[in-house]
N, C-alpha and C. Protein backbone atom coordinates (compact mmCIF):
# COMPACT_ATOMS: atom_id res chain seq x y z
N MET A 1 115.63 91.55 56.65
CA MET A 1 114.97 91.01 57.85
C MET A 1 115.15 91.98 59.02
N PRO A 2 114.08 92.29 59.77
CA PRO A 2 114.20 93.18 60.92
C PRO A 2 115.22 92.64 61.92
N GLU A 3 115.89 93.55 62.66
CA GLU A 3 116.90 93.14 63.62
C GLU A 3 116.31 92.22 64.70
N SER A 4 115.09 92.51 65.13
CA SER A 4 114.48 91.69 66.17
C SER A 4 112.97 91.63 66.00
N LEU A 5 112.40 90.45 66.14
CA LEU A 5 110.96 90.26 66.07
C LEU A 5 110.48 89.61 67.37
N THR A 6 109.29 89.98 67.78
CA THR A 6 108.66 89.32 68.93
C THR A 6 107.53 88.45 68.39
N LEU A 7 107.63 87.15 68.63
CA LEU A 7 106.69 86.18 68.07
C LEU A 7 106.01 85.38 69.17
N ALA A 8 104.92 84.75 68.80
CA ALA A 8 104.19 83.89 69.73
C ALA A 8 104.41 82.43 69.34
N PRO A 9 104.44 81.52 70.30
CA PRO A 9 104.64 80.10 69.97
C PRO A 9 103.39 79.49 69.37
N THR A 10 103.56 78.36 68.71
CA THR A 10 102.45 77.57 68.19
C THR A 10 102.65 76.14 68.68
N GLU A 11 101.77 75.24 68.26
CA GLU A 11 101.92 73.83 68.67
C GLU A 11 103.18 73.22 68.06
N ASP A 12 103.61 73.73 66.93
CA ASP A 12 104.85 73.27 66.29
C ASP A 12 106.02 74.03 66.91
N PRO A 13 106.97 73.34 67.54
CA PRO A 13 108.08 74.01 68.23
C PRO A 13 108.99 74.82 67.30
N ARG A 14 108.84 74.64 65.98
CA ARG A 14 109.67 75.40 65.04
C ARG A 14 108.83 76.31 64.14
N ARG A 15 107.63 76.63 64.59
CA ARG A 15 106.76 77.56 63.85
C ARG A 15 106.24 78.59 64.83
N PHE A 16 106.32 79.85 64.45
CA PHE A 16 105.94 80.94 65.34
C PHE A 16 105.05 81.93 64.61
N LYS A 17 104.21 82.61 65.39
CA LYS A 17 103.25 83.54 64.80
C LYS A 17 103.69 84.97 65.02
N ALA A 18 103.76 85.73 63.92
CA ALA A 18 104.12 87.14 63.98
C ALA A 18 102.89 87.95 64.41
N PRO A 19 103.08 89.21 64.82
CA PRO A 19 101.94 90.04 65.24
C PRO A 19 100.86 90.17 64.18
N ASP A 20 101.23 90.08 62.89
CA ASP A 20 100.23 90.20 61.82
C ASP A 20 99.59 88.86 61.47
N GLY A 21 99.94 87.80 62.22
CA GLY A 21 99.36 86.49 61.98
C GLY A 21 100.18 85.59 61.08
N THR A 22 101.23 86.12 60.48
CA THR A 22 102.08 85.33 59.60
C THR A 22 102.82 84.25 60.39
N LEU A 23 102.88 83.04 59.83
CA LEU A 23 103.63 81.95 60.45
C LEU A 23 105.04 81.93 59.91
N LEU A 24 106.01 81.85 60.81
CA LEU A 24 107.42 81.89 60.42
C LEU A 24 108.18 80.70 60.99
N SER A 25 109.18 80.26 60.25
CA SER A 25 110.08 79.21 60.72
C SER A 25 111.49 79.79 60.77
N PRO A 26 112.31 79.39 61.75
CA PRO A 26 113.67 79.94 61.87
C PRO A 26 114.50 79.64 60.63
N PRO A 27 115.34 80.58 60.21
CA PRO A 27 116.24 80.34 59.08
C PRO A 27 117.23 79.21 59.40
N ALA A 28 117.83 78.66 58.40
CA ALA A 28 118.84 77.62 58.59
C ALA A 28 119.98 78.19 59.43
N GLY A 29 120.47 77.39 60.36
CA GLY A 29 121.58 77.82 61.19
C GLY A 29 121.17 78.53 62.46
N TRP A 30 119.86 78.73 62.64
CA TRP A 30 119.38 79.38 63.86
C TRP A 30 119.04 78.33 64.91
N VAL A 31 119.29 78.65 66.18
CA VAL A 31 118.94 77.78 67.28
C VAL A 31 118.30 78.63 68.39
N CYS A 32 117.73 77.95 69.36
CA CYS A 32 117.05 78.66 70.46
C CYS A 32 117.96 78.78 71.67
N LEU A 33 118.10 80.00 72.15
CA LEU A 33 118.81 80.25 73.40
C LEU A 33 117.75 80.31 74.51
N PRO A 34 117.74 79.37 75.45
CA PRO A 34 116.71 79.36 76.50
C PRO A 34 116.79 80.62 77.37
N PRO A 35 115.68 81.02 77.98
CA PRO A 35 115.73 82.18 78.87
C PRO A 35 116.49 81.84 80.14
N GLY A 36 116.93 82.86 80.84
CA GLY A 36 117.61 82.62 82.11
C GLY A 36 118.91 83.37 82.29
N ASP A 37 119.59 83.71 81.18
CA ASP A 37 120.84 84.46 81.27
C ASP A 37 120.64 85.78 80.54
N ALA A 38 120.26 86.81 81.29
CA ALA A 38 119.93 88.10 80.68
C ALA A 38 121.14 88.72 79.98
N GLY A 39 122.32 88.56 80.57
CA GLY A 39 123.52 89.13 79.97
C GLY A 39 123.83 88.52 78.61
N LEU A 40 123.73 87.20 78.53
CA LEU A 40 123.98 86.52 77.26
C LEU A 40 122.92 86.87 76.24
N THR A 41 121.66 86.93 76.66
CA THR A 41 120.57 87.28 75.75
C THR A 41 120.77 88.67 75.16
N ARG A 42 121.17 89.64 76.00
CA ARG A 42 121.40 91.00 75.50
C ARG A 42 122.49 91.02 74.45
N ARG A 43 123.56 90.27 74.65
CA ARG A 43 124.66 90.27 73.70
C ARG A 43 124.28 89.62 72.37
N VAL A 44 123.50 88.54 72.46
CA VAL A 44 123.07 87.89 71.23
C VAL A 44 122.15 88.81 70.44
N LYS A 45 121.25 89.50 71.10
CA LYS A 45 120.34 90.42 70.41
C LYS A 45 121.12 91.56 69.77
N ALA A 46 122.19 92.02 70.43
CA ALA A 46 122.99 93.11 69.89
C ALA A 46 123.85 92.67 68.72
N ALA A 47 124.07 91.34 68.60
CA ALA A 47 124.96 90.84 67.55
C ALA A 47 124.31 90.80 66.18
N GLY A 48 122.97 90.84 66.12
CA GLY A 48 122.31 90.79 64.83
C GLY A 48 120.87 90.36 64.94
N PRO A 49 120.28 89.91 63.83
CA PRO A 49 118.86 89.52 63.81
C PRO A 49 118.55 88.43 64.83
N SER A 50 117.35 88.50 65.42
CA SER A 50 116.93 87.49 66.39
C SER A 50 115.42 87.53 66.50
N TRP A 51 114.87 86.46 67.06
CA TRP A 51 113.43 86.37 67.33
C TRP A 51 113.23 86.11 68.82
N VAL A 52 112.44 86.93 69.45
CA VAL A 52 112.06 86.71 70.84
C VAL A 52 110.70 86.01 70.84
N VAL A 53 110.64 84.84 71.44
CA VAL A 53 109.38 84.08 71.48
C VAL A 53 108.77 84.27 72.87
N VAL A 54 107.55 84.82 72.88
CA VAL A 54 106.88 85.14 74.14
C VAL A 54 105.49 84.52 74.16
N GLU A 55 105.19 83.80 75.24
CA GLU A 55 103.87 83.20 75.39
C GLU A 55 103.04 84.02 76.36
N LYS A 56 101.81 84.34 75.99
CA LYS A 56 100.93 85.09 76.87
C LYS A 56 99.98 84.14 77.58
N ARG A 57 99.98 84.20 78.90
CA ARG A 57 99.06 83.40 79.72
C ARG A 57 98.27 84.37 80.59
N GLY A 58 97.01 84.54 80.25
CA GLY A 58 96.23 85.55 80.95
C GLY A 58 96.78 86.92 80.62
N ARG A 59 97.14 87.66 81.66
CA ARG A 59 97.71 88.99 81.45
C ARG A 59 99.22 89.00 81.57
N LYS A 60 99.83 87.82 81.77
CA LYS A 60 101.27 87.75 81.96
C LYS A 60 101.97 87.22 80.72
N LEU A 61 103.21 87.65 80.53
CA LEU A 61 104.02 87.21 79.41
C LEU A 61 105.18 86.37 79.92
N PHE A 62 105.45 85.26 79.23
CA PHE A 62 106.53 84.36 79.62
C PHE A 62 107.45 84.12 78.43
N SER A 63 108.73 84.36 78.64
CA SER A 63 109.70 84.16 77.57
C SER A 63 109.89 82.67 77.29
N GLN A 64 109.90 82.33 76.01
CA GLN A 64 110.17 80.96 75.59
C GLN A 64 111.54 80.83 74.94
N GLY A 65 112.32 81.90 75.04
CA GLY A 65 113.67 81.85 74.51
C GLY A 65 113.90 82.81 73.37
N LEU A 66 115.14 82.86 72.92
CA LEU A 66 115.57 83.75 71.84
C LEU A 66 116.15 82.91 70.71
N TRP A 67 115.59 83.05 69.52
CA TRP A 67 116.12 82.37 68.35
C TRP A 67 117.08 83.31 67.63
N ALA A 68 118.27 82.78 67.30
CA ALA A 68 119.29 83.60 66.64
C ALA A 68 120.29 82.66 65.97
N PRO A 69 121.15 83.20 65.11
CA PRO A 69 122.17 82.35 64.49
C PRO A 69 123.03 81.66 65.54
N ALA A 70 123.27 80.38 65.37
CA ALA A 70 124.06 79.62 66.34
C ALA A 70 125.45 80.22 66.52
N LEU A 71 126.03 80.74 65.44
CA LEU A 71 127.36 81.34 65.53
C LEU A 71 127.36 82.55 66.44
N HIS A 72 126.30 83.35 66.39
CA HIS A 72 126.22 84.53 67.27
C HIS A 72 126.13 84.10 68.73
N ILE A 73 125.32 83.07 69.00
CA ILE A 73 125.16 82.60 70.37
C ILE A 73 126.47 82.02 70.90
N GLU A 74 127.12 81.20 70.09
CA GLU A 74 128.37 80.57 70.53
C GLU A 74 129.45 81.62 70.79
N ALA A 75 129.55 82.62 69.91
CA ALA A 75 130.57 83.66 70.07
C ALA A 75 130.29 84.50 71.32
N ALA A 76 129.04 84.87 71.52
CA ALA A 76 128.68 85.68 72.69
C ALA A 76 128.91 84.90 73.97
N ARG A 77 128.56 83.61 73.96
CA ARG A 77 128.74 82.78 75.16
C ARG A 77 130.23 82.65 75.50
N ALA A 78 131.07 82.39 74.50
CA ALA A 78 132.51 82.23 74.73
C ALA A 78 133.12 83.50 75.31
N LYS A 79 132.73 84.65 74.75
CA LYS A 79 133.28 85.92 75.22
C LYS A 79 132.82 86.21 76.64
N LEU A 80 131.56 85.92 76.92
CA LEU A 80 131.00 86.20 78.24
C LEU A 80 131.62 85.27 79.29
N GLU A 81 131.80 84.01 78.93
CA GLU A 81 132.41 83.07 79.88
C GLU A 81 133.84 83.48 80.21
N ALA A 82 134.56 84.00 79.21
CA ALA A 82 135.93 84.46 79.45
C ALA A 82 135.94 85.64 80.42
N GLU A 83 135.01 86.56 80.23
CA GLU A 83 134.92 87.72 81.12
C GLU A 83 134.53 87.30 82.53
N ARG A 84 133.62 86.34 82.63
CA ARG A 84 133.12 85.93 83.94
C ARG A 84 134.11 85.09 84.72
N SER A 85 135.17 84.65 84.08
CA SER A 85 136.17 83.83 84.77
C SER A 85 137.25 84.66 85.44
N THR A 86 137.22 85.98 85.27
CA THR A 86 138.26 86.84 85.83
C THR A 86 137.97 87.20 87.28
N ASP A 87 139.04 87.54 88.02
CA ASP A 87 138.88 87.97 89.42
C ASP A 87 138.11 89.28 89.49
N ALA A 88 138.32 90.16 88.52
CA ALA A 88 137.64 91.45 88.53
C ALA A 88 136.12 91.26 88.44
N TYR A 89 135.70 90.31 87.60
CA TYR A 89 134.27 90.05 87.47
C TYR A 89 133.71 89.48 88.77
N ALA A 90 134.47 88.56 89.40
CA ALA A 90 134.00 87.95 90.65
C ALA A 90 133.82 89.01 91.74
N LYS A 91 134.77 89.94 91.82
CA LYS A 91 134.66 91.01 92.82
C LYS A 91 133.47 91.92 92.51
N ARG A 92 133.28 92.20 91.23
CA ARG A 92 132.15 93.06 90.84
C ARG A 92 130.83 92.38 91.18
N ARG A 93 130.77 91.07 90.95
CA ARG A 93 129.56 90.32 91.28
C ARG A 93 129.30 90.35 92.77
N GLU A 94 130.34 90.17 93.57
CA GLU A 94 130.17 90.20 95.02
C GLU A 94 129.62 91.56 95.47
N GLY A 95 130.16 92.62 94.85
CA GLY A 95 129.68 93.95 95.18
C GLY A 95 128.24 94.15 94.78
N ASP A 96 127.88 93.63 93.60
CA ASP A 96 126.49 93.74 93.13
C ASP A 96 125.53 93.00 94.07
N VAL A 97 125.93 91.80 94.48
CA VAL A 97 125.08 91.00 95.36
C VAL A 97 124.90 91.72 96.70
N ALA A 98 125.99 92.27 97.22
CA ALA A 98 125.91 92.97 98.51
C ALA A 98 125.00 94.19 98.41
N ARG A 99 125.10 94.93 97.29
CA ARG A 99 124.24 96.11 97.12
C ARG A 99 122.77 95.71 97.01
N ARG A 100 122.50 94.62 96.27
CA ARG A 100 121.11 94.17 96.15
C ARG A 100 120.55 93.72 97.49
N GLU A 101 121.38 93.04 98.27
CA GLU A 101 120.93 92.57 99.59
C GLU A 101 120.62 93.75 100.50
N ARG A 102 121.48 94.79 100.46
CA ARG A 102 121.23 95.98 101.27
C ARG A 102 119.95 96.68 100.82
N ALA A 103 119.78 96.79 99.50
CA ALA A 103 118.58 97.44 98.98
C ALA A 103 117.32 96.66 99.37
N GLN A 104 117.42 95.33 99.33
CA GLN A 104 116.27 94.49 99.70
C GLN A 104 115.94 94.67 101.18
N GLU A 105 116.95 94.69 102.03
CA GLU A 105 116.72 94.87 103.47
C GLU A 105 116.06 96.22 103.74
N GLN A 106 116.53 97.25 103.05
CA GLN A 106 115.95 98.58 103.23
C GLN A 106 114.50 98.61 102.77
N TYR A 107 114.24 97.92 101.66
CA TYR A 107 112.87 97.92 101.16
C TYR A 107 111.93 97.15 102.09
N VAL A 108 112.39 96.02 102.62
CA VAL A 108 111.57 95.25 103.55
C VAL A 108 111.24 96.09 104.78
N ASP A 109 112.24 96.84 105.28
CA ASP A 109 112.01 97.71 106.44
C ASP A 109 110.99 98.80 106.09
N GLU A 110 111.16 99.42 104.91
CA GLU A 110 110.23 100.48 104.49
C GLU A 110 108.82 99.92 104.30
N PHE A 111 108.73 98.76 103.66
CA PHE A 111 107.44 98.14 103.40
C PHE A 111 106.75 97.74 104.70
N SER A 112 107.52 97.19 105.63
CA SER A 112 106.97 96.78 106.92
C SER A 112 106.43 97.98 107.69
N ALA A 113 107.15 99.10 107.61
CA ALA A 113 106.67 100.31 108.29
C ALA A 113 105.35 100.77 107.69
N GLU A 114 105.23 100.67 106.37
CA GLU A 114 103.98 101.05 105.71
C GLU A 114 102.85 100.09 106.07
N LEU A 115 103.18 98.82 106.23
CA LEU A 115 102.17 97.84 106.66
C LEU A 115 101.60 98.21 108.03
N LEU A 116 102.49 98.50 108.97
CA LEU A 116 102.05 98.87 110.31
C LEU A 116 101.23 100.16 110.28
N GLY A 117 101.65 101.09 109.41
CA GLY A 117 100.92 102.34 109.29
C GLY A 117 99.52 102.13 108.75
N PHE A 118 99.38 101.18 107.82
CA PHE A 118 98.05 100.89 107.28
C PHE A 118 97.19 100.16 108.31
N LEU A 119 97.78 99.22 109.04
CA LEU A 119 97.00 98.42 109.99
C LEU A 119 96.45 99.29 111.13
N ARG A 120 97.30 100.09 111.75
CA ARG A 120 96.87 100.99 112.82
C ARG A 120 96.07 100.24 113.90
N PHE A 121 96.53 99.05 114.28
CA PHE A 121 95.82 98.27 115.29
C PHE A 121 95.95 98.94 116.67
N SER A 122 94.94 98.74 117.49
CA SER A 122 94.95 99.31 118.83
C SER A 122 96.01 98.60 119.67
N PRO A 123 96.41 99.20 120.81
CA PRO A 123 97.43 98.58 121.67
C PRO A 123 97.08 97.14 122.05
N ARG A 124 95.80 96.83 122.23
CA ARG A 124 95.39 95.48 122.59
C ARG A 124 95.82 94.46 121.54
N TRP A 125 95.88 94.90 120.27
CA TRP A 125 96.14 93.98 119.17
C TRP A 125 97.49 94.22 118.49
N GLN A 126 98.43 94.85 119.21
CA GLN A 126 99.74 95.12 118.62
C GLN A 126 100.52 93.84 118.31
N LEU A 127 100.37 92.82 119.14
CA LEU A 127 101.05 91.54 118.88
C LEU A 127 100.56 90.96 117.56
N LEU A 128 99.27 91.06 117.33
CA LEU A 128 98.69 90.57 116.08
C LEU A 128 99.19 91.40 114.90
N ALA A 129 99.28 92.72 115.09
CA ALA A 129 99.76 93.59 114.03
C ALA A 129 101.18 93.21 113.62
N GLY A 130 102.02 92.92 114.61
CA GLY A 130 103.39 92.53 114.31
C GLY A 130 103.45 91.21 113.56
N ALA A 131 102.64 90.24 113.98
CA ALA A 131 102.63 88.94 113.31
C ALA A 131 102.12 89.07 111.88
N LEU A 132 101.09 89.89 111.69
CA LEU A 132 100.54 90.07 110.34
C LEU A 132 101.54 90.79 109.44
N THR A 133 102.23 91.77 109.99
CA THR A 133 103.25 92.48 109.22
C THR A 133 104.35 91.54 108.75
N VAL A 134 104.82 90.69 109.64
CA VAL A 134 105.87 89.73 109.28
C VAL A 134 105.37 88.76 108.21
N ALA A 135 104.15 88.27 108.38
CA ALA A 135 103.60 87.29 107.43
C ALA A 135 103.43 87.90 106.04
N VAL A 136 102.88 89.10 105.98
CA VAL A 136 102.65 89.74 104.68
C VAL A 136 103.98 90.10 104.02
N ALA A 137 104.90 90.68 104.78
CA ALA A 137 106.19 91.07 104.22
C ALA A 137 106.97 89.86 103.73
N LYS A 138 106.92 88.77 104.49
CA LYS A 138 107.63 87.56 104.10
C LYS A 138 107.10 87.01 102.78
N HIS A 139 105.80 87.10 102.59
CA HIS A 139 105.20 86.59 101.35
C HIS A 139 105.39 87.54 100.18
N ALA A 140 105.26 88.84 100.44
CA ALA A 140 105.13 89.80 99.35
C ALA A 140 106.43 90.44 98.87
N THR A 141 107.46 90.51 99.71
CA THR A 141 108.62 91.32 99.34
C THR A 141 109.76 90.61 98.61
N PRO A 142 109.84 89.27 98.58
CA PRO A 142 110.96 88.66 97.87
C PRO A 142 111.07 89.13 96.42
N VAL A 143 112.30 89.37 95.98
CA VAL A 143 112.52 89.79 94.59
C VAL A 143 112.06 88.68 93.66
N GLY A 144 111.32 89.05 92.63
CA GLY A 144 110.82 88.06 91.68
C GLY A 144 109.54 87.39 92.09
N SER A 145 108.95 87.79 93.22
CA SER A 145 107.73 87.15 93.69
C SER A 145 106.53 87.48 92.81
N GLY A 146 106.61 88.60 92.09
CA GLY A 146 105.50 88.98 91.21
C GLY A 146 104.30 89.52 91.96
N THR A 147 104.46 89.84 93.24
CA THR A 147 103.35 90.37 94.02
C THR A 147 103.24 91.87 93.85
N VAL A 148 102.14 92.42 94.37
CA VAL A 148 101.92 93.86 94.26
C VAL A 148 103.00 94.64 95.00
N ALA A 149 103.64 94.02 95.97
CA ALA A 149 104.69 94.71 96.73
C ALA A 149 105.90 95.03 95.87
N ARG A 150 106.07 94.32 94.74
CA ARG A 150 107.24 94.53 93.90
C ARG A 150 106.97 95.49 92.75
N THR A 151 105.73 95.94 92.59
CA THR A 151 105.45 96.85 91.50
C THR A 151 105.94 98.25 91.84
N GLU A 152 106.27 99.01 90.82
CA GLU A 152 106.69 100.40 91.02
C GLU A 152 105.65 101.36 90.45
N ARG A 153 104.50 100.83 90.06
CA ARG A 153 103.46 101.66 89.44
C ARG A 153 102.67 102.46 90.46
N ILE A 154 102.71 102.05 91.73
CA ILE A 154 101.96 102.75 92.76
C ILE A 154 102.88 103.00 93.96
N PRO A 155 102.57 103.98 94.81
CA PRO A 155 103.40 104.27 95.98
C PRO A 155 103.47 103.08 96.93
N VAL A 156 104.51 103.06 97.77
CA VAL A 156 104.71 101.95 98.69
C VAL A 156 103.53 101.80 99.64
N ALA A 157 102.95 102.91 100.07
CA ALA A 157 101.82 102.82 101.00
C ALA A 157 100.65 102.07 100.36
N GLN A 158 100.40 102.32 99.09
CA GLN A 158 99.31 101.61 98.40
C GLN A 158 99.67 100.15 98.18
N ARG A 159 100.94 99.87 97.94
CA ARG A 159 101.37 98.48 97.78
C ARG A 159 101.12 97.71 99.09
N ALA A 160 101.44 98.36 100.21
CA ALA A 160 101.26 97.70 101.50
C ALA A 160 99.79 97.38 101.75
N GLU A 161 98.93 98.34 101.49
CA GLU A 161 97.49 98.12 101.68
C GLU A 161 96.99 96.98 100.80
N ALA A 162 97.38 97.00 99.53
CA ALA A 162 96.95 95.96 98.59
C ALA A 162 97.50 94.60 99.00
N ALA A 163 98.73 94.57 99.52
CA ALA A 163 99.34 93.30 99.92
C ALA A 163 98.61 92.69 101.12
N VAL A 164 98.18 93.52 102.06
CA VAL A 164 97.43 93.01 103.22
C VAL A 164 96.11 92.40 102.76
N ILE A 165 95.40 93.13 101.89
CA ILE A 165 94.10 92.65 101.41
C ILE A 165 94.28 91.35 100.62
N ALA A 166 95.34 91.27 99.81
CA ALA A 166 95.59 90.06 99.03
C ALA A 166 95.91 88.88 99.95
N TRP A 167 96.74 89.13 100.97
CA TRP A 167 97.09 88.05 101.92
C TRP A 167 95.84 87.56 102.62
N MET A 168 94.99 88.48 103.05
CA MET A 168 93.77 88.08 103.75
C MET A 168 92.81 87.35 102.82
N ARG A 169 92.78 87.74 101.56
CA ARG A 169 91.89 87.05 100.61
C ARG A 169 92.24 85.56 100.54
N HIS A 170 93.52 85.26 100.58
CA HIS A 170 93.94 83.86 100.46
C HIS A 170 93.95 83.13 101.80
N GLN A 171 94.16 83.87 102.89
CA GLN A 171 94.34 83.22 104.19
C GLN A 171 93.11 83.25 105.10
N THR A 172 92.20 84.17 104.88
CA THR A 172 91.06 84.30 105.81
C THR A 172 89.71 84.17 105.12
N THR A 173 89.70 83.88 103.82
CA THR A 173 88.44 83.69 103.10
C THR A 173 88.50 82.38 102.32
N ALA A 174 87.39 82.04 101.71
CA ALA A 174 87.32 80.79 100.93
C ALA A 174 87.65 81.03 99.46
N TYR A 175 88.32 82.13 99.15
CA TYR A 175 88.59 82.52 97.77
C TYR A 175 89.24 81.41 96.95
N ASP A 176 90.25 80.77 97.52
CA ASP A 176 91.00 79.76 96.76
C ASP A 176 90.17 78.52 96.45
N ARG A 177 89.05 78.34 97.16
CA ARG A 177 88.20 77.18 96.92
C ARG A 177 86.92 77.54 96.15
N MET A 178 86.77 78.80 95.85
CA MET A 178 85.57 79.25 95.16
C MET A 178 85.57 78.84 93.68
N VAL A 179 84.40 78.50 93.19
CA VAL A 179 84.22 78.26 91.75
C VAL A 179 83.57 79.53 91.19
N ILE A 180 84.37 80.35 90.54
CA ILE A 180 83.89 81.64 90.05
C ILE A 180 83.56 81.53 88.58
N PRO A 181 82.35 81.88 88.18
CA PRO A 181 81.97 81.81 86.76
C PRO A 181 82.94 82.59 85.88
N ARG A 182 83.23 82.04 84.73
CA ARG A 182 84.15 82.70 83.80
C ARG A 182 83.38 83.78 83.02
N VAL A 183 82.97 84.78 83.76
CA VAL A 183 82.23 85.91 83.20
C VAL A 183 83.08 87.15 83.40
N LYS A 184 83.20 87.95 82.37
CA LYS A 184 84.04 89.14 82.46
C LYS A 184 83.63 90.01 83.64
N GLY A 185 84.59 90.33 84.48
CA GLY A 185 84.35 91.19 85.63
C GLY A 185 83.91 90.48 86.88
N LYS A 186 83.54 89.19 86.78
CA LYS A 186 83.03 88.48 87.94
C LYS A 186 84.10 88.27 89.00
N ARG A 187 85.31 87.89 88.59
CA ARG A 187 86.38 87.67 89.57
C ARG A 187 86.71 88.98 90.28
N ARG A 188 86.72 90.08 89.54
CA ARG A 188 86.98 91.37 90.15
C ARG A 188 85.88 91.73 91.16
N GLU A 189 84.65 91.38 90.80
CA GLU A 189 83.52 91.64 91.69
C GLU A 189 83.66 90.84 92.99
N VAL A 190 84.02 89.57 92.86
CA VAL A 190 84.19 88.72 94.04
C VAL A 190 85.32 89.25 94.91
N ARG A 191 86.41 89.63 94.28
CA ARG A 191 87.54 90.17 95.05
C ARG A 191 87.14 91.43 95.79
N GLY A 192 86.34 92.26 95.15
CA GLY A 192 85.89 93.48 95.80
C GLY A 192 85.04 93.19 97.02
N GLU A 193 84.16 92.20 96.91
CA GLU A 193 83.31 91.83 98.04
C GLU A 193 84.15 91.28 99.20
N LEU A 194 85.12 90.44 98.87
CA LEU A 194 85.98 89.87 99.91
C LEU A 194 86.86 90.94 100.54
N ALA A 195 87.28 91.91 99.74
CA ALA A 195 88.09 93.00 100.28
C ALA A 195 87.30 93.79 101.32
N GLY A 196 86.01 93.98 101.04
CA GLY A 196 85.16 94.68 102.01
C GLY A 196 85.07 93.93 103.32
N ILE A 197 84.95 92.61 103.24
CA ILE A 197 84.91 91.79 104.46
C ILE A 197 86.25 91.87 105.20
N SER A 198 87.34 91.82 104.45
CA SER A 198 88.67 91.88 105.07
C SER A 198 88.88 93.22 105.78
N ARG A 199 88.43 94.30 105.17
CA ARG A 199 88.57 95.61 105.79
C ARG A 199 87.75 95.70 107.09
N ALA A 200 86.58 95.06 107.08
CA ALA A 200 85.75 95.05 108.29
C ALA A 200 86.45 94.29 109.41
N ILE A 201 87.13 93.19 109.05
CA ILE A 201 87.87 92.41 110.05
C ILE A 201 89.03 93.23 110.60
N LEU A 202 89.73 93.95 109.72
CA LEU A 202 90.82 94.81 110.17
C LEU A 202 90.30 95.88 111.13
N ASP A 203 89.14 96.43 110.83
CA ASP A 203 88.57 97.47 111.69
C ASP A 203 88.31 96.97 113.10
N LEU A 204 88.00 95.68 113.26
CA LEU A 204 87.77 95.11 114.58
C LEU A 204 89.00 95.24 115.47
N HIS A 205 90.17 95.29 114.83
CA HIS A 205 91.42 95.33 115.59
C HIS A 205 91.96 96.75 115.72
N ARG A 206 91.22 97.70 115.22
CA ARG A 206 91.63 99.10 115.34
C ARG A 206 90.97 99.80 116.53
N VAL A 207 90.15 99.06 117.24
CA VAL A 207 89.50 99.58 118.45
C VAL A 207 89.97 98.74 119.62
N ASP A 208 90.02 99.37 120.78
CA ASP A 208 90.52 98.69 121.97
C ASP A 208 89.41 97.87 122.63
N ARG A 209 88.97 96.86 121.86
CA ARG A 209 87.89 96.01 122.35
C ARG A 209 88.28 94.56 122.10
N ALA A 210 88.07 93.71 123.07
CA ALA A 210 88.46 92.30 122.96
C ALA A 210 87.42 91.50 122.20
N HIS A 211 87.88 90.41 121.59
CA HIS A 211 86.97 89.43 121.01
C HIS A 211 87.65 88.07 121.05
N ALA A 212 86.89 87.04 120.92
CA ALA A 212 87.44 85.68 120.98
C ALA A 212 88.31 85.44 119.75
N ALA A 213 89.61 85.27 119.98
CA ALA A 213 90.56 85.14 118.86
C ALA A 213 90.23 83.94 117.97
N ALA A 214 89.80 82.84 118.56
CA ALA A 214 89.53 81.63 117.76
C ALA A 214 88.37 81.83 116.80
N ALA A 215 87.49 82.78 117.10
CA ALA A 215 86.34 83.03 116.24
C ALA A 215 86.64 84.08 115.18
N CYS A 216 87.82 84.66 115.23
CA CYS A 216 88.21 85.70 114.28
C CYS A 216 89.03 85.08 113.16
N PRO A 217 88.63 85.23 111.89
CA PRO A 217 89.39 84.62 110.78
C PRO A 217 90.85 85.06 110.74
N LEU A 218 91.11 86.33 111.04
CA LEU A 218 92.48 86.82 111.00
C LEU A 218 93.30 86.23 112.13
N CYS A 219 92.77 86.28 113.35
CA CYS A 219 93.49 85.71 114.49
C CYS A 219 93.74 84.22 114.28
N ALA A 220 92.71 83.51 113.81
CA ALA A 220 92.84 82.07 113.60
C ALA A 220 93.89 81.75 112.54
N ALA A 221 93.92 82.54 111.46
CA ALA A 221 94.89 82.30 110.39
C ALA A 221 96.31 82.50 110.88
N LEU A 222 96.53 83.54 111.66
CA LEU A 222 97.87 83.81 112.15
C LEU A 222 98.30 82.81 113.22
N MET A 223 97.39 82.38 114.07
CA MET A 223 97.73 81.39 115.08
C MET A 223 98.03 80.05 114.42
N SER A 224 97.37 79.78 113.29
CA SER A 224 97.62 78.53 112.58
C SER A 224 98.99 78.53 111.91
N SER A 225 99.36 79.68 111.31
CA SER A 225 100.65 79.76 110.61
C SER A 225 101.80 80.06 111.55
N GLU A 226 101.50 80.65 112.71
CA GLU A 226 102.52 80.99 113.70
C GLU A 226 102.14 80.35 115.04
N PRO A 227 102.43 79.05 115.22
CA PRO A 227 102.02 78.33 116.44
C PRO A 227 102.50 78.99 117.73
N GLU A 228 103.66 79.70 117.65
CA GLU A 228 104.19 80.32 118.86
C GLU A 228 103.43 81.58 119.24
N LEU A 229 102.54 82.04 118.37
CA LEU A 229 101.76 83.24 118.65
C LEU A 229 100.60 82.88 119.58
N GLU A 230 100.63 83.43 120.78
CA GLU A 230 99.60 83.12 121.76
C GLU A 230 98.87 84.42 122.13
N MET A 231 97.69 84.60 121.57
CA MET A 231 96.92 85.81 121.86
C MET A 231 95.88 85.56 122.94
N GLY A 232 95.68 84.30 123.26
CA GLY A 232 94.73 83.98 124.30
C GLY A 232 93.30 84.20 123.83
N GLU A 233 92.38 84.06 124.74
CA GLU A 233 90.97 84.25 124.46
C GLU A 233 90.44 85.34 125.37
N PRO A 234 90.70 86.63 125.05
CA PRO A 234 90.27 87.70 125.93
C PRO A 234 88.76 87.71 126.09
N GLU A 235 88.34 88.01 127.30
CA GLU A 235 86.90 88.08 127.55
C GLU A 235 86.31 89.34 126.95
N LEU A 236 85.07 89.26 126.52
CA LEU A 236 84.42 90.42 125.96
C LEU A 236 84.22 91.48 127.04
N ASP A 237 84.43 92.75 126.65
CA ASP A 237 84.22 93.83 127.60
C ASP A 237 82.73 93.98 127.89
């Protein structure tokens, strides 16, 4: 038996589909280790044969757990719990958490700077630029958020641009209420059209010209989510 297999779930909780279509059932003595403890999962996989059950939803993959001999799971859990109960482990964990928090703070600062660089709003609209930067960063940067801001496939500057357009798609357009035909490429087409509109709205704030904030989708969205933001109703030049 291979050391590790990646299988797909079926309607039967104890039947899984292999990549070649073969249906498999766990051997006697095997149980499912739920996802959530990466350290324990790694140790169980290293201990011997196991099955990783992964469900595909759209383009995303979701772990449904690891099937392995119950004895391997129990032994790995007992050893890990013993290690995690020591003072040395607690101190190491504190250090790890502190390092992650520092790294997250640095990334939020870097990402926010890239957001402002992409926006390039005129002095008249700097208050709006700051509010938009905070709103986008707050939504996009949390670890595990799954947003474009967390990907490492593209530079941070491109992540910032994509995050602004994504935020505006949901906050300043009717995208979330649209009924989009299930035709290949149609959703991408709609997103492209909305992105063009969002870029045009951003351009309005890159020139030193006033407009009625209440009539602007971006201004209205930010004033709605940030009641303390008062941009007023500047008169047209």
